[in-house]
Amino acid sequence: MSSVAKNLIRDIEHSNPNWANAGQGWQGYKTTIQLQGWEQKREALILRRQNKSKKSVLTKAIEDKQPTLFP
C-alpha cells in the first residue's frame, strides 16, 4: 500500500467524516485519490466496521504493513 493511501485512510479515520451505513455493521466513505503516475483522480471507497479491540482494523493493517485494502 502506498504512503499516500495509508495517509488518506489515517486522515479519514481520525477526522470523523460523514460515514454512510453500508449494511451488516459496515460503514463506508467515498473519496478520490490520485497516486503518482496516474493521469486522473480515481474514486476510492473506504469501509470500516466496529472492532472489539481498541485499535481499528484499518489502523492495525497499516501498522502491521499488511496490504489488505489495496493489494
PDB file of N, CA and C in Angstrom:
ATOM      1  N   MET A   1       0.847  -1.159   0.000  1.00  0.00           N
ATOM      2  CA  MET A   1       0.000   0.000   0.000  1.00  0.00           C
ATOM      3  C   MET A   1       0.898   1.229   0.000  1.00  0.00           C
ATOM      4  N   SER A   2       0.578   2.192  -0.830  1.00  0.00           N
ATOM      5  CA  SER A   2       1.399   3.400  -0.929  1.00  0.00           C
ATOM      6  C   SER A   2       1.223   4.280   0.311  1.00  0.00           C
ATOM      7  N   SER A   3       2.192   5.133   0.539  1.00  0.00           N
ATOM      8  CA  SER A   3       2.104   6.036   1.692  1.00  0.00           C
ATOM      9  C   SER A   3       0.956   7.023   1.521  1.00  0.00           C
ATOM     10  N   VAL A   4       0.637   7.381   0.279  1.00  0.00           N
ATOM     11  CA  VAL A   4      -0.493   8.291   0.029  1.00  0.00           C
ATOM     12  C   VAL A   4      -1.800   7.622   0.463  1.00  0.00           C
ATOM     13  N   ALA A   5      -1.965   6.351   0.117  1.00  0.00           N
ATOM     14  CA  ALA A   5      -3.180   5.625   0.503  1.00  0.00           C
ATOM     15  C   ALA A   5      -3.248   5.453   2.017  1.00  0.00           C
ATOM     16  N   LYS A   6      -2.127   5.140   2.638  1.00  0.00           N
ATOM     17  CA  LYS A   6      -2.098   4.987   4.093  1.00  0.00           C
ATOM     18  C   LYS A   6      -2.476   6.290   4.788  1.00  0.00           C
ATOM     19  N   ASN A   7      -1.914   7.387   4.310  1.00  0.00           N
ATOM     20  CA  ASN A   7      -2.219   8.692   4.906  1.00  0.00           C
ATOM     21  C   ASN A   7      -3.681   9.068   4.698  1.00  0.00           C
ATOM     22  N   LEU A   8      -4.221   8.763   3.521  1.00  0.00           N
ATOM     23  CA  LEU A   8      -5.632   9.045   3.241  1.00  0.00           C
ATOM     24  C   LEU A   8      -6.520   8.301   4.232  1.00  0.00           C
ATOM     25  N   ILE A   9      -6.260   7.026   4.433  1.00  0.00           N
ATOM     26  CA  ILE A   9      -7.062   6.226   5.358  1.00  0.00           C
ATOM     27  C   ILE A   9      -6.920   6.751   6.778  1.00  0.00           C
ATOM     28  N   ARG A  10      -5.713   7.047   7.188  1.00  0.00           N
ATOM     29  CA  ARG A  10      -5.473   7.555   8.537  1.00  0.00           C
ATOM     30  C   ARG A  10      -6.198   8.892   8.743  1.00  0.00           C
ATOM     31  N   ASP A  11      -6.115   9.782   7.757  1.00  0.00           N
ATOM     32  CA  ASP A  11      -6.769  11.089   7.876  1.00  0.00           C
ATOM     33  C   ASP A  11      -8.286  10.943   7.962  1.00  0.00           C
ATOM     34  N   ILE A  12      -8.855  10.100   7.130  1.00  0.00           N
ATOM     35  CA  ILE A  12     -10.303   9.893   7.136  1.00  0.00           C
ATOM     36  C   ILE A  12     -10.743   9.261   8.448  1.00  0.00           C
ATOM     37  N   GLU A  13      -9.973   8.303   8.916  1.00  0.00           N
ATOM     38  CA  GLU A  13     -10.326   7.609  10.144  1.00  0.00           C
ATOM     39  C   GLU A  13     -10.352   8.560  11.343  1.00  0.00           C
ATOM     40  N   HIS A  14      -9.435   9.519  11.379  1.00  0.00           N
ATOM     41  CA  HIS A  14      -9.325  10.406  12.533  1.00  0.00           C
ATOM     42  C   HIS A  14     -10.110  11.712  12.391  1.00  0.00           C
ATOM     43  N   SER A  15     -10.603  12.025  11.204  1.00  0.00           N
ATOM     44  CA  SER A  15     -11.297  13.301  11.014  1.00  0.00           C
ATOM     45  C   SER A  15     -12.808  13.192  11.212  1.00  0.00           C
ATOM     46  N   ASN A  16     -13.332  11.981  11.401  1.00  0.00           N
ATOM     47  CA  ASN A  16     -14.764  11.755  11.604  1.00  0.00           C
ATOM     48  C   ASN A  16     -15.633  12.360  10.500  1.00  0.00           C
ATOM     49  N   PRO A  17     -15.412  11.976   9.244  1.00  0.00           N
ATOM     50  CA  PRO A  17     -16.299  12.461   8.184  1.00  0.00           C
ATOM     51  C   PRO A  17     -17.668  11.796   8.312  1.00  0.00           C
ATOM     52  N   ASN A  18     -18.562  12.157   7.455  1.00  0.00           N
ATOM     53  CA  ASN A  18     -19.900  11.568   7.464  1.00  0.00           C
ATOM     54  C   ASN A  18     -19.855  10.191   6.815  1.00  0.00           C
ATOM     55  N   TRP A  19     -19.763   9.166   7.639  1.00  0.00           N
ATOM     56  CA  TRP A  19     -19.748   7.790   7.148  1.00  0.00           C
ATOM     57  C   TRP A  19     -21.174   7.374   6.807  1.00  0.00           C
ATOM     58  N   ALA A  20     -21.328   6.602   5.735  1.00  0.00           N
ATOM     59  CA  ALA A  20     -22.645   6.111   5.325  1.00  0.00           C
ATOM     60  C   ALA A  20     -22.795   4.659   5.766  1.00  0.00           C
ATOM     61  N   ASN A  21     -23.999   4.289   6.145  1.00  0.00           N
ATOM     62  CA  ASN A  21     -24.283   2.910   6.526  1.00  0.00           C
ATOM     63  C   ASN A  21     -24.193   2.037   5.275  1.00  0.00           C
ATOM     64  N   ALA A  22     -23.343   1.003   5.339  1.00  0.00           N
ATOM     65  CA  ALA A  22     -23.172   0.098   4.201  1.00  0.00           C
ATOM     66  C   ALA A  22     -23.825  -1.251   4.459  1.00  0.00           C
ATOM     67  N   GLY A  23     -24.483  -1.403   5.594  1.00  0.00           N
ATOM     68  CA  GLY A  23     -25.186  -2.637   5.913  1.00  0.00           C
ATOM     69  C   GLY A  23     -24.320  -3.657   6.628  1.00  0.00           C
ATOM     70  N   GLN A  24     -24.954  -4.523   7.372  1.00  0.00           N
ATOM     71  CA  GLN A  24     -24.318  -5.619   8.100  1.00  0.00           C
ATOM     72  C   GLN A  24     -23.168  -5.154   8.998  1.00  0.00           C
ATOM     73  N   GLY A  25     -23.334  -3.999   9.618  1.00  0.00           N
ATOM     74  CA  GLY A  25     -22.343  -3.499  10.550  1.00  0.00           C
ATOM     75  C   GLY A  25     -21.202  -2.715   9.932  1.00  0.00           C
ATOM     76  N   TRP A  26     -21.230  -2.522   8.640  1.00  0.00           N
ATOM     77  CA  TRP A  26     -20.165  -1.800   7.943  1.00  0.00           C
ATOM     78  C   TRP A  26     -20.587  -0.358   7.687  1.00  0.00           C
ATOM     79  N   GLN A  27     -19.594   0.532   7.624  1.00  0.00           N
ATOM     80  CA  GLN A  27     -19.799   1.922   7.231  1.00  0.00           C
ATOM     81  C   GLN A  27     -18.834   2.215   6.085  1.00  0.00           C
ATOM     82  N   GLY A  28     -19.235   3.112   5.196  1.00  0.00           N
ATOM     83  CA  GLY A  28     -18.392   3.450   4.055  1.00  0.00           C
ATOM     84  C   GLY A  28     -18.214   4.945   3.897  1.00  0.00           C
ATOM     85  N   TYR A  29     -17.104   5.304   3.277  1.00  0.00           N
ATOM     86  CA  TYR A  29     -16.809   6.701   2.971  1.00  0.00           C
ATOM     87  C   TYR A  29     -16.207   6.741   1.568  1.00  0.00           C
ATOM     88  N   LYS A  30     -16.786   7.561   0.703  1.00  0.00           N
ATOM     89  CA  LYS A  30     -16.335   7.671  -0.681  1.00  0.00           C
ATOM     90  C   LYS A  30     -15.491   8.922  -0.832  1.00  0.00           C
ATOM     91  N   THR A  31     -14.330   8.789  -1.473  1.00  0.00           N
ATOM     92  CA  THR A  31     -13.418   9.912  -1.684  1.00  0.00           C
ATOM     93  C   THR A  31     -12.682   9.695  -3.003  1.00  0.00           C
ATOM     94  N   THR A  32     -11.756  10.567  -3.319  1.00  0.00           N
ATOM     95  CA  THR A  32     -10.929  10.388  -4.513  1.00  0.00           C
ATOM     96  C   THR A  32      -9.465  10.386  -4.098  1.00  0.00           C
ATOM     97  N   ILE A  33      -8.656   9.743  -4.928  1.00  0.00           N
ATOM     98  CA  ILE A  33      -7.221   9.666  -4.684  1.00  0.00           C
ATOM     99  C   ILE A  33      -6.503   9.711  -6.024  1.00  0.00           C
ATOM    100  N   GLN A  34      -5.363  10.375  -6.056  1.00  0.00           N
ATOM    101  CA  GLN A  34      -4.546  10.405  -7.263  1.00  0.00           C
ATOM    102  C   GLN A  34      -3.109  10.055  -6.866  1.00  0.00           C
ATOM    103  N   LEU A  35      -2.687   8.893  -7.266  1.00  0.00           N
ATOM    104  CA  LEU A  35      -1.340   8.440  -6.959  1.00  0.00           C
ATOM    105  C   LEU A  35      -0.373   8.887  -8.050  1.00  0.00           C
ATOM    106  N   GLN A  36       0.893   8.871  -7.709  1.00  0.00           N
ATOM    107  CA  GLN A  36       1.930   9.262  -8.662  1.00  0.00           C
ATOM    108  C   GLN A  36       1.851   8.344  -9.881  1.00  0.00           C
ATOM    109  N   GLY A  37       1.902   8.925 -11.052  1.00  0.00           N
ATOM    110  CA  GLY A  37       1.834   8.162 -12.294  1.00  0.00           C
ATOM    111  C   GLY A  37       0.435   8.057 -12.867  1.00  0.00           C
ATOM    112  N   TRP A  38      -0.578   8.389 -12.081  1.00  0.00           N
ATOM    113  CA  TRP A  38      -1.951   8.388 -12.566  1.00  0.00           C
ATOM    114  C   TRP A  38      -2.234   9.729 -13.215  1.00  0.00           C
ATOM    115  N   GLU A  39      -2.904   9.709 -14.366  1.00  0.00           N
ATOM    116  CA  GLU A  39      -3.251  10.951 -15.047  1.00  0.00           C
ATOM    117  C   GLU A  39      -4.488  11.607 -14.451  1.00  0.00           C
ATOM    118  N   GLN A  40      -5.356  10.808 -13.839  1.00  0.00           N
ATOM    119  CA  GLN A  40      -6.594  11.337 -13.278  1.00  0.00           C
ATOM    120  C   GLN A  40      -6.805  10.809 -11.872  1.00  0.00           C
ATOM    121  N   LYS A  41      -7.639  11.525 -11.123  1.00  0.00           N
ATOM    122  CA  LYS A  41      -8.053  11.035  -9.812  1.00  0.00           C
ATOM    123  C   LYS A  41      -8.990   9.852 -10.006  1.00  0.00           C
ATOM    124  N   ARG A  42      -9.002   8.972  -9.025  1.00  0.00           N
ATOM    125  CA  ARG A  42      -9.892   7.816  -9.059  1.00  0.00           C
ATOM    126  C   ARG A  42     -10.685   7.765  -7.765  1.00  0.00           C
ATOM    127  N   GLU A  43     -11.868   7.190  -7.861  1.00  0.00           N
ATOM    128  CA  GLU A  43     -12.701   7.078  -6.678  1.00  0.00           C
ATOM    129  C   GLU A  43     -12.175   5.959  -5.791  1.00  0.00           C
ATOM    130  N   ALA A  44     -12.261   6.184  -4.495  1.00  0.00           N
ATOM    131  CA  ALA A  44     -11.860   5.171  -3.521  1.00  0.00           C
ATOM    132  C   ALA A  44     -12.977   5.044  -2.498  1.00  0.00           C
ATOM    133  N   LEU A  45     -13.293   3.829  -2.139  1.00  0.00           N
ATOM    134  CA  LEU A  45     -14.306   3.572  -1.134  1.00  0.00           C
ATOM    135  C   LEU A  45     -13.616   2.954   0.065  1.00  0.00           C
ATOM    136  N   ILE A  46     -13.712   3.610   1.204  1.00  0.00           N
ATOM    137  CA  ILE A  46     -13.107   3.141   2.442  1.00  0.00           C
ATOM    138  C   ILE A  46     -14.218   2.519   3.281  1.00  0.00           C
ATOM    139  N   LEU A  47     -14.041   1.284   3.686  1.00  0.00           N
ATOM    140  CA  LEU A  47     -15.029   0.594   4.510  1.00  0.00           C
ATOM    141  C   LEU A  47     -14.450   0.342   5.895  1.00  0.00           C
ATOM    142  N   ARG A  48     -15.327   0.403   6.886  1.00  0.00           N
ATOM    143  CA  ARG A  48     -14.906   0.085   8.253  1.00  0.00           C
ATOM    144  C   ARG A  48     -16.067  -0.580   8.974  1.00  0.00           C
ATOM    145  N   ARG A  49     -15.719  -1.310  10.016  1.00  0.00           N
ATOM    146  CA  ARG A  49     -16.727  -1.874  10.904  1.00  0.00           C
ATOM    147  C   ARG A  49     -16.175  -1.840  12.311  1.00  0.00           C
ATOM    148  N   GLN A  50     -17.046  -1.905  13.287  1.00  0.00           N
ATOM    149  CA  GLN A  50     -16.627  -1.838  14.678  1.00  0.00           C
ATOM    150  C   GLN A  50     -15.820  -3.083  15.014  1.00  0.00           C
ATOM    151  N   ASN A  51     -14.752  -2.874  15.761  1.00  0.00           N
ATOM    152  CA  ASN A  51     -13.872  -3.952  16.172  1.00  0.00           C
ATOM    153  C   ASN A  51     -13.872  -4.014  17.689  1.00  0.00           C
ATOM    154  N   LYS A  52     -13.761  -5.202  18.245  1.00  0.00           N
ATOM    155  CA  LYS A  52     -13.770  -5.352  19.699  1.00  0.00           C
ATOM    156  C   LYS A  52     -12.510  -4.794  20.340  1.00  0.00           C
ATOM    157  N   SER A  53     -11.392  -4.838  19.609  1.00  0.00           N
ATOM    158  CA  SER A  53     -10.163  -4.286  20.169  1.00  0.00           C
ATOM    159  C   SER A  53     -10.206  -2.764  20.097  1.00  0.00           C
ATOM    160  N   LYS A  54      -9.313  -2.098  20.812  1.00  0.00           N
ATOM    161  CA  LYS A  54      -9.315  -0.640  20.828  1.00  0.00           C
ATOM    162  C   LYS A  54      -8.817  -0.045  19.528  1.00  0.00           C
ATOM    163  N   LYS A  55      -7.936  -0.735  18.813  1.00  0.00           N
ATOM    164  CA  LYS A  55      -7.437  -0.239  17.530  1.00  0.00           C
ATOM    165  C   LYS A  55      -8.394  -0.672  16.427  1.00  0.00           C
ATOM    166  N   SER A  56      -8.581   0.185  15.442  1.00  0.00           N
ATOM    167  CA  SER A  56      -9.442  -0.169  14.331  1.00  0.00           C
ATOM    168  C   SER A  56      -8.711  -1.155  13.418  1.00  0.00           C
ATOM    169  N   VAL A  57      -9.465  -1.834  12.597  1.00  0.00           N
ATOM    170  CA  VAL A  57      -8.885  -2.782  11.653  1.00  0.00           C
ATOM    171  C   VAL A  57      -7.952  -2.058  10.695  1.00  0.00           C
ATOM    172  N   LEU A  58      -8.341  -0.863  10.249  1.00  0.00           N
ATOM    173  CA  LEU A  58      -7.503  -0.115   9.312  1.00  0.00           C
ATOM    174  C   LEU A  58      -6.182   0.294   9.940  1.00  0.00           C
ATOM    175  N   THR A  59      -6.236   0.796  11.162  1.00  0.00           N
ATOM    176  CA  THR A  59      -5.015   1.212  11.845  1.00  0.00           C
ATOM    177  C   THR A  59      -4.098   0.019  12.062  1.00  0.00           C
ATOM    178  N   LYS A  60      -4.652  -1.115  12.467  1.00  0.00           N
ATOM    179  CA  LYS A  60      -3.845  -2.308  12.697  1.00  0.00           C
ATOM    180  C   LYS A  60      -3.199  -2.762  11.388  1.00  0.00           C
ATOM    181  N   ALA A  61      -3.936  -2.750  10.278  1.00  0.00           N
ATOM    182  CA  ALA A  61      -3.384  -3.165   8.991  1.00  0.00           C
ATOM    183  C   ALA A  61      -2.246  -2.250   8.557  1.00  0.00           C
ATOM    184  N   ILE A  62      -2.406  -0.966   8.789  1.00  0.00           N
ATOM    185  CA  ILE A  62      -1.362  -0.012   8.425  1.00  0.00           C
ATOM    186  C   ILE A  62      -0.128  -0.237   9.287  1.00  0.00           C
ATOM    187  N   GLU A  63      -0.323  -0.394  10.591  1.00  0.00           N
ATOM    188  CA  GLU A  63       0.805  -0.582  11.488  1.00  0.00           C
ATOM    189  C   GLU A  63       1.535  -1.892  11.219  1.00  0.00           C
ATOM    190  N   ASP A  64       0.794  -2.927  10.866  1.00  0.00           N
ATOM    191  CA  ASP A  64       1.410  -4.225  10.583  1.00  0.00           C
ATOM    192  C   ASP A  64       1.981  -4.287   9.161  1.00  0.00           C
ATOM    193  N   LYS A  65       1.728  -3.234   8.387  1.00  0.00           N
ATOM    194  CA  LYS A  65       2.177  -3.146   6.996  1.00  0.00           C
ATOM    195  C   LYS A  65       1.669  -4.313   6.165  1.00  0.00           C
ATOM    196  N   GLN A  66       0.421  -4.660   6.390  1.00  0.00           N
ATOM    197  CA  GLN A  66      -0.228  -5.713   5.607  1.00  0.00           C
ATOM    198  C   GLN A  66      -1.098  -5.029   4.560  1.00  0.00           C
ATOM    199  N   PRO A  67      -0.815  -5.211   3.290  1.00  0.00           N
ATOM    200  CA  PRO A  67      -1.610  -4.558   2.236  1.00  0.00           C
ATOM    201  C   PRO A  67      -2.960  -5.241   2.048  1.00  0.00           C
ATOM    202  N   THR A  68      -3.846  -5.103   3.039  1.00  0.00           N
ATOM    203  CA  THR A  68      -5.130  -5.792   2.967  1.00  0.00           C
ATOM    204  C   THR A  68      -6.184  -5.028   2.182  1.00  0.00           C
ATOM    205  N   LEU A  69      -6.075  -3.700   2.116  1.00  0.00           N
ATOM    206  CA  LEU A  69      -7.103  -2.919   1.432  1.00  0.00           C
ATOM    207  C   LEU A  69      -6.785  -2.657  -0.024  1.00  0.00           C
ATOM    208  N   PHE A  70      -5.532  -2.422  -0.341  1.00  0.00           N
ATOM    209  CA  PHE A  70      -5.146  -2.115  -1.699  1.00  0.00           C
ATOM    210  C   PHE A  70      -3.950  -2.997  -2.085  1.00  0.00           C
ATOM    211  N   PRO A  71      -4.213  -4.258  -2.430  1.00  0.00           N
ATOM    212  CA  PRO A  71      -3.090  -5.164  -2.740  1.00  0.00           C
ATOM    213  C   PRO A  71      -2.330  -4.752  -3.972  1.00  0.00           C
TER     214      PRO A  71
END
